[in-house]
Amino acid sequence: MNYTPPTPESLQRLKDALGFSSVQMAELFGLSSGRHWRSYTGGADIRSVSASTLFFAMARLKLSPETIEQVLSAMRELGATIELEAP
């Protein structure tokens, strides 16, 4: 896979367009906290968002709830435990 992560500015634009708080963005991206989200958008030690984390967030934004549930069901069939809160 060839992957270039979005810039911090692009991620900030997404946050602004959605009108989400840092905590809501963290939930959307499957992150532990708003602080974790902010590490992608600013500060002295900016991190790059991984392809899998970005894919997860974009899937939640773009796919139907039914499709998301099909994926979660497949994960559960493999033994995972997962429940998502609405973004």
Protein backbone atom coordinates (compact mmCIF):
# COMPACT_ATOMS: atom_id res chain seq x y z
CA MET A 1 0.00 0.00 0.00
CA ASN A 2 1.18 3.49 -0.81
CA TYR A 3 -0.32 5.94 1.70
CA THR A 4 0.25 9.61 2.41
CA PRO A 5 -1.68 10.86 5.43
CA PRO A 6 -3.79 14.00 5.31
CA THR A 7 -2.23 17.17 6.61
CA PRO A 8 -3.14 18.55 10.02
CA GLU A 9 -4.87 21.39 8.19
CA SER A 10 -7.03 18.94 6.21
CA LEU A 11 -8.03 17.15 9.39
CA GLN A 12 -8.88 20.47 11.03
CA ARG A 13 -11.03 21.40 8.01
CA LEU A 14 -12.91 18.11 8.35
CA LYS A 15 -13.52 18.80 12.05
CA ASP A 16 -14.75 22.31 11.25
CA ALA A 17 -17.01 21.09 8.42
CA LEU A 18 -18.59 18.49 10.69
CA GLY A 19 -18.93 20.98 13.54
CA PHE A 20 -17.50 18.37 15.92
CA SER A 21 -15.60 18.85 19.15
CA SER A 22 -12.25 17.16 19.67
CA VAL A 23 -13.99 14.51 21.76
CA GLN A 24 -16.48 13.82 18.95
CA MET A 25 -13.66 13.54 16.43
CA ALA A 26 -11.85 11.11 18.73
CA GLU A 27 -15.01 8.98 18.90
CA LEU A 28 -15.40 9.09 15.10
CA PHE A 29 -11.78 8.00 14.58
CA GLY A 30 -11.89 5.37 17.33
CA LEU A 31 -9.36 7.22 19.48
CA SER A 32 -9.11 7.24 23.26
CA SER A 33 -9.62 10.98 23.85
CA GLY A 34 -9.89 14.46 22.44
CA ARG A 35 -6.25 14.94 23.40
CA HIS A 36 -5.31 12.02 21.14
CA TRP A 37 -7.27 13.65 18.28
CA ARG A 38 -5.52 17.00 18.85
CA SER A 39 -2.14 15.28 18.42
CA TYR A 40 -3.09 14.93 14.72
CA THR A 41 -3.97 18.59 14.24
CA GLY A 42 -1.44 20.65 16.15
CA GLY A 43 1.08 21.04 18.89
CA ALA A 44 4.80 20.47 19.11
CA ASP A 45 4.66 16.73 18.41
CA ILE A 46 2.17 16.30 15.55
CA ARG A 47 1.35 12.69 14.68
CA SER A 48 0.22 11.32 11.33
CA VAL A 49 -3.09 9.48 11.21
CA SER A 50 -2.68 5.86 10.10
CA ALA A 51 -4.43 4.53 7.01
CA SER A 52 -6.52 2.11 9.10
CA THR A 53 -7.63 4.86 11.49
CA LEU A 54 -8.56 7.16 8.63
CA PHE A 55 -10.37 4.32 6.83
CA PHE A 56 -12.39 3.58 9.98
CA ALA A 57 -13.49 7.21 10.34
CA MET A 58 -14.33 7.69 6.67
CA ALA A 59 -16.28 4.42 6.62
CA ARG A 60 -18.34 5.64 9.56
CA LEU A 61 -19.05 8.89 7.72
CA LYS A 62 -19.79 7.43 4.28
CA LEU A 63 -21.25 3.94 4.74
CA SER A 64 -24.79 3.15 5.80
CA PRO A 65 -25.41 1.97 9.36
CA GLU A 66 -26.43 -1.40 7.92
CA THR A 67 -23.12 -1.81 6.11
CA ILE A 68 -21.18 -0.80 9.21
CA GLU A 69 -23.14 -3.39 11.20
CA GLN A 70 -22.26 -6.09 8.64
CA VAL A 71 -18.57 -5.33 9.14
CA LEU A 72 -18.95 -5.30 12.93
CA SER A 73 -20.80 -8.63 12.77
CA ALA A 74 -17.95 -10.14 10.76
CA MET A 75 -15.51 -8.87 13.39
CA ARG A 76 -17.61 -10.43 16.14
CA GLU A 77 -17.68 -13.75 14.26
CA LEU A 78 -13.88 -13.75 14.55
CA GLY A 79 -14.16 -13.27 18.30
CA ALA A 80 -13.86 -9.50 18.62
CA THR A 81 -16.01 -7.56 21.05
CA ILE A 82 -17.01 -4.18 19.64
CA GLU A 83 -19.85 -1.68 20.07
CA LEU A 84 -19.81 1.78 18.52
CA GLU A 85 -21.45 4.92 19.80
CA ALA A 86 -22.98 7.20 17.18
CA PRO A 87 -20.55 9.97 16.11
